[in-house]
């Protein structure tokens, strides 16, 4: 039971919906399967209410009653590789690569192969939808503006994945500290430290850090590639997240200042005899509502 409702663990829900683990994870991220928080976990290593989710039994029943279950559900969450996307669009893989690097449509998942190369996956419905909307881009020369972008080495795939994933996680919580932790999760450590100067705040953000992606990395090269995907790099993107984190922290400080006074937060960053740094924190009043976007 969760808030008086019967709920299932994610593993049980995946079996009931006849989905593999990866399929179920993507279905929840896309909102095809609704989940609810299983409870907040502020312990070291916990991830707040974002880290533990359950599926209402009513949601399982709704999906099972849909015409064409489970194939219809699988069709809505079908993810395809670049080669498969090219077949769906009726073009060559090279054109799909150029379109995705230019940000025409973004990936929904990725994995890292044993050589450390990132393999992007795209939602089949978005691929076919884009091809139907932009037939001119399926044939002929690449537009001049896009060609200039590609010749300069721009690649929007990781950036678009981060933007999508951050928006998904932000939509799962109303908690101000958890919202700030979502944004903090994609910032480089030095950028995070320059925005969240209070060590207590950084400690809390680390404990609440959500899982951005479930990717197996068995080699140093694979781990390095994974970190590059989940971490913002370009100046304007980093600046965007910095601004949003600053405003998110202002909201969190104002709405839930007592969260920093938890024993775990104080013990992890304060030496004996040293007053917690939150005692010297200023008051903040600015609202925040900005989410990442391409613009």
Protein backbone atom coordinates (compact mmCIF):
# COMPACT_ATOMS: atom_id res chain seq x y z
CA UNK A 1 0.00 0.00 0.00
CA UNK A 2 1.15 3.57 -0.75
CA UNK A 3 -1.00 6.50 0.39
CA UNK A 4 -3.91 4.12 0.78
CA UNK A 5 -3.53 2.69 -2.71
CA UNK A 6 -2.41 -0.78 -3.68
CA UNK A 7 0.91 -0.56 -5.50
CA UNK A 8 3.43 -2.95 -7.00
CA UNK A 9 7.20 -2.95 -7.05
CA UNK A 10 8.75 -2.00 -10.37
CA UNK A 11 9.95 -5.58 -10.92
CA UNK A 12 6.51 -7.03 -10.35
CA UNK A 13 4.91 -4.35 -12.51
CA UNK A 14 7.29 -5.12 -15.39
CA UNK A 15 6.33 -8.80 -15.26
CA UNK A 16 2.61 -7.97 -15.16
CA UNK A 17 3.06 -5.73 -18.21
CA UNK A 18 5.22 -8.32 -20.01
CA UNK A 19 8.07 -5.84 -20.44
CA UNK A 20 11.78 -6.40 -20.16
CA UNK A 21 13.66 -4.33 -17.59
CA UNK A 22 14.93 -1.80 -20.12
CA UNK A 23 11.52 -1.51 -21.76
CA UNK A 24 9.82 -0.91 -18.44
CA UNK A 25 12.38 1.70 -17.40
CA UNK A 26 11.84 3.59 -20.65
CA UNK A 27 8.05 3.29 -20.32
CA UNK A 28 8.14 4.96 -16.91
CA UNK A 29 10.51 7.69 -18.13
CA UNK A 30 8.20 8.47 -21.06
CA UNK A 31 5.12 8.53 -18.83
CA UNK A 32 3.57 5.50 -20.53
CA UNK A 33 3.51 3.77 -17.14
CA UNK A 34 2.67 6.05 -14.24
CA UNK A 35 4.63 5.61 -11.03
CA UNK A 36 4.31 7.09 -7.55
CA UNK A 37 6.95 7.75 -4.86
CA UNK A 38 7.52 4.88 -2.48
CA UNK A 39 8.77 7.26 0.21
CA UNK A 40 11.64 9.64 0.80
CA UNK A 41 15.07 8.32 1.68
CA UNK A 42 17.49 10.99 2.93
CA UNK A 43 20.02 8.53 4.26
CA UNK A 44 23.54 8.58 2.83
CA UNK A 45 23.29 6.87 -0.53
CA UNK A 46 19.54 7.40 -0.70
CA UNK A 47 17.90 9.30 -3.51
CA UNK A 48 14.83 10.89 -1.97
CA UNK A 49 11.44 10.05 -3.40
CA UNK A 50 12.96 10.00 -6.90
CA UNK A 51 14.99 6.94 -6.05
CA UNK A 52 12.18 4.61 -5.01
CA UNK A 53 9.07 4.33 -7.16
CA UNK A 54 6.11 1.97 -7.25
CA UNK A 55 3.32 1.39 -9.75
CA UNK A 56 -0.36 1.69 -8.75
CA UNK A 57 -2.30 -1.51 -9.33
CA UNK A 58 -4.93 0.57 -11.11
CA UNK A 59 -2.29 1.64 -13.64
CA UNK A 60 -1.46 -2.00 -14.38
CA UNK A 61 -5.14 -2.81 -14.86
CA UNK A 62 -5.59 0.18 -17.19
CA UNK A 63 -2.72 -0.85 -19.43
CA UNK A 64 -3.73 -4.52 -19.48
CA UNK A 65 -7.23 -3.51 -20.59
CA UNK A 66 -5.94 -1.56 -23.60
CA UNK A 67 -6.67 -3.05 -27.06
CA UNK A 68 -3.63 -4.87 -28.39
CA UNK A 69 -1.90 -5.28 -25.03
CA UNK A 70 1.06 -5.77 -24.69
CA UNK A 71 2.12 -5.17 -28.32
CA UNK A 72 0.49 -1.73 -28.40
CA UNK A 73 2.43 -0.64 -25.32
CA UNK A 74 5.66 -2.06 -26.70
CA UNK A 75 5.08 -0.18 -29.94
CA UNK A 76 4.80 3.16 -28.14
CA UNK A 77 8.12 2.65 -26.36
CA UNK A 78 10.03 1.01 -29.20
CA UNK A 79 13.57 2.39 -29.35
CA UNK A 80 15.66 2.00 -32.49
CA UNK A 81 19.31 2.38 -33.43
CA UNK A 82 20.62 4.75 -36.09
CA UNK A 83 20.52 1.98 -38.69
CA UNK A 84 16.96 1.03 -37.76
CA UNK A 85 15.93 4.69 -37.80
CA UNK A 86 17.35 5.03 -41.29
CA UNK A 87 15.25 2.10 -42.48
CA UNK A 88 12.12 3.63 -40.97
CA UNK A 89 12.83 6.96 -42.65
CA UNK A 90 13.89 5.49 -45.98
CA UNK A 91 17.29 7.20 -45.95
CA UNK A 92 20.87 6.19 -45.32
CA UNK A 93 22.41 5.97 -41.82
CA UNK A 94 24.74 8.85 -42.67
CA UNK A 95 21.82 11.23 -43.16
CA UNK A 96 20.24 10.12 -39.89
CA UNK A 97 23.56 10.74 -38.14
CA UNK A 98 23.69 14.28 -39.54
CA UNK A 99 20.08 14.98 -38.55
CA UNK A 100 20.58 13.76 -34.99
CA UNK A 101 23.88 15.60 -34.54
CA UNK A 102 22.09 18.76 -35.67
CA UNK A 103 19.38 18.22 -33.05
CA UNK A 104 16.48 17.49 -35.42
CA UNK A 105 15.31 14.80 -33.01
CA UNK A 106 16.92 13.53 -29.84
CA UNK A 107 17.74 10.13 -28.34
CA UNK A 108 15.72 8.54 -25.55
CA UNK A 109 18.30 6.02 -24.38
CA UNK A 110 21.94 5.09 -24.82
CA UNK A 111 24.41 2.41 -23.88
CA UNK A 112 28.18 2.17 -24.01
CA UNK A 113 29.73 -0.74 -25.88
CA UNK A 114 32.84 -2.58 -24.82
CA UNK A 115 35.03 -0.23 -26.85
CA UNK A 116 33.73 2.79 -24.94
CA UNK A 117 31.61 4.07 -27.83
CA UNK A 118 28.19 5.57 -27.04
CA UNK A 119 25.34 3.94 -28.94
CA UNK A 120 22.23 6.14 -29.15
CA UNK A 121 18.65 4.87 -29.37
CA UNK A 122 15.69 6.86 -30.65
CA UNK A 123 11.95 6.55 -30.15
CA UNK A 124 10.55 4.95 -33.30
CA UNK A 125 7.41 7.09 -33.22
CA UNK A 126 9.49 10.29 -33.05
CA UNK A 127 11.64 9.11 -35.96
CA UNK A 128 8.69 8.43 -38.24
CA UNK A 129 6.92 11.57 -37.06
CA UNK A 130 9.92 13.73 -37.97
CA UNK A 131 10.22 12.10 -41.40
CA UNK A 132 6.56 12.84 -42.09
CA UNK A 133 6.86 16.49 -40.97
CA UNK A 134 10.14 17.27 -42.75
CA UNK A 135 10.17 15.42 -46.10
CA UNK A 136 12.53 18.01 -47.58
CA UNK A 137 15.27 16.93 -45.18
CA UNK A 138 15.00 13.31 -46.32
CA UNK A 139 16.42 14.05 -49.75
CA UNK A 140 18.78 16.47 -51.43
CA UNK A 141 21.57 18.59 -50.00
CA UNK A 142 21.90 19.36 -46.32
CA UNK A 143 20.66 22.93 -45.61
CA UNK A 144 23.47 25.46 -45.43
CA UNK A 145 22.85 26.43 -41.79
CA UNK A 146 22.88 22.78 -40.73
CA UNK A 147 26.02 22.15 -42.75
CA UNK A 148 27.84 25.01 -41.01
CA UNK A 149 26.78 23.61 -37.63
CA UNK A 150 27.99 20.12 -38.46
CA UNK A 151 31.25 21.33 -40.01
CA UNK A 152 32.02 23.16 -36.75
CA UNK A 153 31.75 19.86 -34.87
CA UNK A 154 28.50 20.46 -33.02
CA UNK A 155 26.67 17.39 -31.75
CA UNK A 156 23.35 17.84 -29.95
CA UNK A 157 22.69 14.19 -29.10
CA UNK A 158 24.03 14.10 -25.53
CA UNK A 159 22.70 17.58 -24.83
CA UNK A 160 19.20 16.65 -25.95
CA UNK A 161 19.28 13.44 -23.94
CA UNK A 162 20.26 15.39 -20.81
CA UNK A 163 17.52 17.94 -21.38
CA UNK A 164 14.89 15.22 -21.80
CA UNK A 165 16.07 13.27 -18.78
CA UNK A 166 16.21 16.33 -16.52
CA UNK A 167 12.68 17.30 -17.56
CA UNK A 168 11.45 13.77 -16.84
CA UNK A 169 12.93 13.76 -13.35
CA UNK A 170 11.74 17.29 -12.57
CA UNK A 171 8.24 16.17 -13.43
CA UNK A 172 8.36 13.43 -10.79
CA UNK A 173 8.87 15.64 -7.76
CA UNK A 174 7.55 18.79 -6.14
CA UNK A 175 10.25 18.71 -3.46
CA UNK A 176 12.52 21.77 -3.88
CA UNK A 177 15.72 20.04 -2.75
CA UNK A 178 15.08 17.06 -4.99
CA UNK A 179 14.41 19.40 -7.92
CA UNK A 180 17.70 21.16 -7.25
CA UNK A 181 19.47 17.79 -7.03
CA UNK A 182 18.20 16.86 -10.50
CA UNK A 183 19.81 19.95 -12.02
CA UNK A 184 22.97 19.51 -9.95
CA UNK A 185 23.34 15.96 -11.28
CA UNK A 186 24.33 17.16 -14.77
CA UNK A 187 26.76 19.89 -13.72
CA UNK A 188 30.52 19.31 -13.54
CA UNK A 189 31.70 19.12 -9.89
CA UNK A 190 33.57 22.43 -10.03
CA UNK A 191 30.51 24.21 -11.44
CA UNK A 192 28.29 22.69 -8.76
CA UNK A 193 30.68 23.79 -6.02
CA UNK A 194 30.74 27.36 -7.31
CA UNK A 195 26.93 27.57 -7.21
CA UNK A 196 26.29 25.58 -4.02
CA UNK A 197 29.09 26.99 -1.88
CA UNK A 198 27.69 25.62 1.40
CA UNK A 199 29.13 22.11 2.01
CA UNK A 200 25.90 21.11 3.76
CA UNK A 201 23.94 21.90 0.64
CA UNK A 202 26.35 19.98 -1.58
CA UNK A 203 26.13 17.00 0.76
CA UNK A 204 22.35 17.02 0.60
CA UNK A 205 22.35 17.38 -3.19
CA UNK A 206 24.71 14.40 -3.47
CA UNK A 207 22.46 12.23 -1.29
CA UNK A 208 19.40 13.20 -3.29
CA UNK A 209 21.13 12.78 -6.67
CA UNK A 210 18.82 10.72 -8.91
CA UNK A 211 19.85 7.94 -11.27
CA UNK A 212 20.23 9.56 -14.66
CA UNK A 213 20.78 6.34 -16.59
CA UNK A 214 21.17 2.63 -15.87
CA UNK A 215 24.17 1.85 -18.03
CA UNK A 216 26.69 -0.95 -17.52
CA UNK A 217 30.28 0.33 -17.70
CA UNK A 218 32.86 -2.42 -17.31
CA UNK A 219 35.95 -0.61 -18.62
CA UNK A 220 37.55 2.76 -17.82
CA UNK A 221 36.83 3.88 -21.39
CA UNK A 222 33.16 3.01 -21.00
CA UNK A 223 32.97 4.83 -17.68
CA UNK A 224 34.59 7.91 -19.20
CA UNK A 225 32.11 7.89 -22.08
CA UNK A 226 29.20 7.54 -19.67
CA UNK A 227 30.37 10.51 -17.62
CA UNK A 228 30.68 12.63 -20.76
CA UNK A 229 27.08 11.86 -21.70
CA UNK A 230 25.57 12.70 -18.30
CA UNK A 231 27.64 15.86 -17.72
CA UNK A 232 26.99 19.20 -19.40
CA UNK A 233 29.98 20.51 -21.34
CA UNK A 234 29.22 23.43 -23.65
CA UNK A 235 29.46 26.89 -22.09
CA UNK A 236 25.88 27.94 -22.80
CA UNK A 237 24.43 24.66 -21.53
CA UNK A 238 26.49 24.80 -18.33
CA UNK A 239 25.39 28.40 -17.82
CA UNK A 240 21.74 27.39 -18.29
CA UNK A 241 21.96 24.72 -15.61
CA UNK A 242 23.93 27.01 -13.28
CA UNK A 243 21.19 29.65 -13.46
CA UNK A 244 18.49 27.05 -12.85
CA UNK A 245 20.38 25.47 -9.96
CA UNK A 246 20.89 28.88 -8.35
CA UNK A 247 17.17 29.60 -8.55
CA UNK A 248 16.32 26.09 -7.41
CA UNK A 249 18.50 26.51 -4.33
CA UNK A 250 16.87 29.84 -3.59
CA UNK A 251 13.49 28.13 -3.61
CA UNK A 252 14.71 25.22 -1.47
CA UNK A 253 16.29 27.50 1.12
CA UNK A 254 13.11 29.49 1.37
CA UNK A 255 10.58 26.65 1.39
CA UNK A 256 12.44 23.96 3.34
CA UNK A 257 15.38 25.44 5.29
CA UNK A 258 15.05 22.78 8.00
CA UNK A 259 16.13 20.03 5.61
CA UNK A 260 19.75 21.07 6.13
CA UNK A 261 19.42 20.61 9.88
CA UNK A 262 19.00 16.83 9.66
CA UNK A 263 21.57 14.88 11.71
CA UNK A 264 22.97 13.22 8.57
CA UNK A 265 23.56 16.53 6.83
CA UNK A 266 25.25 18.12 9.82
CA UNK A 267 27.39 15.11 10.73
CA UNK A 268 28.71 14.63 7.21
CA UNK A 269 30.15 18.12 6.78
CA UNK A 270 30.65 19.75 10.20
CA UNK A 271 33.72 19.24 12.37
CA UNK A 272 33.34 19.05 16.17
CA UNK A 273 33.00 22.51 17.66
CA UNK A 274 32.31 24.15 14.28
CA UNK A 275 28.85 25.68 13.77
CA UNK A 276 26.92 24.46 10.72
CA UNK A 277 27.35 26.85 7.79
CA UNK A 278 23.60 27.12 7.23
CA UNK A 279 23.42 29.35 10.32
CA UNK A 280 25.06 32.07 8.24
CA UNK A 281 22.95 31.51 5.11
CA UNK A 282 21.04 34.54 3.83
CA UNK A 283 17.33 34.68 3.18
CA UNK A 284 16.18 34.17 -0.39
CA UNK A 285 12.96 35.26 -2.05
CA UNK A 286 13.21 34.62 -5.79
CA UNK A 287 10.76 32.25 -7.48
CA UNK A 288 12.02 29.56 -9.89
CA UNK A 289 10.21 27.83 -12.71
CA UNK A 290 12.77 27.49 -15.48
CA UNK A 291 13.38 24.07 -17.09
CA UNK A 292 16.18 23.15 -19.52
CA UNK A 293 15.45 23.67 -23.19
CA UNK A 294 17.28 24.11 -26.46
CA UNK A 295 16.57 27.79 -26.69
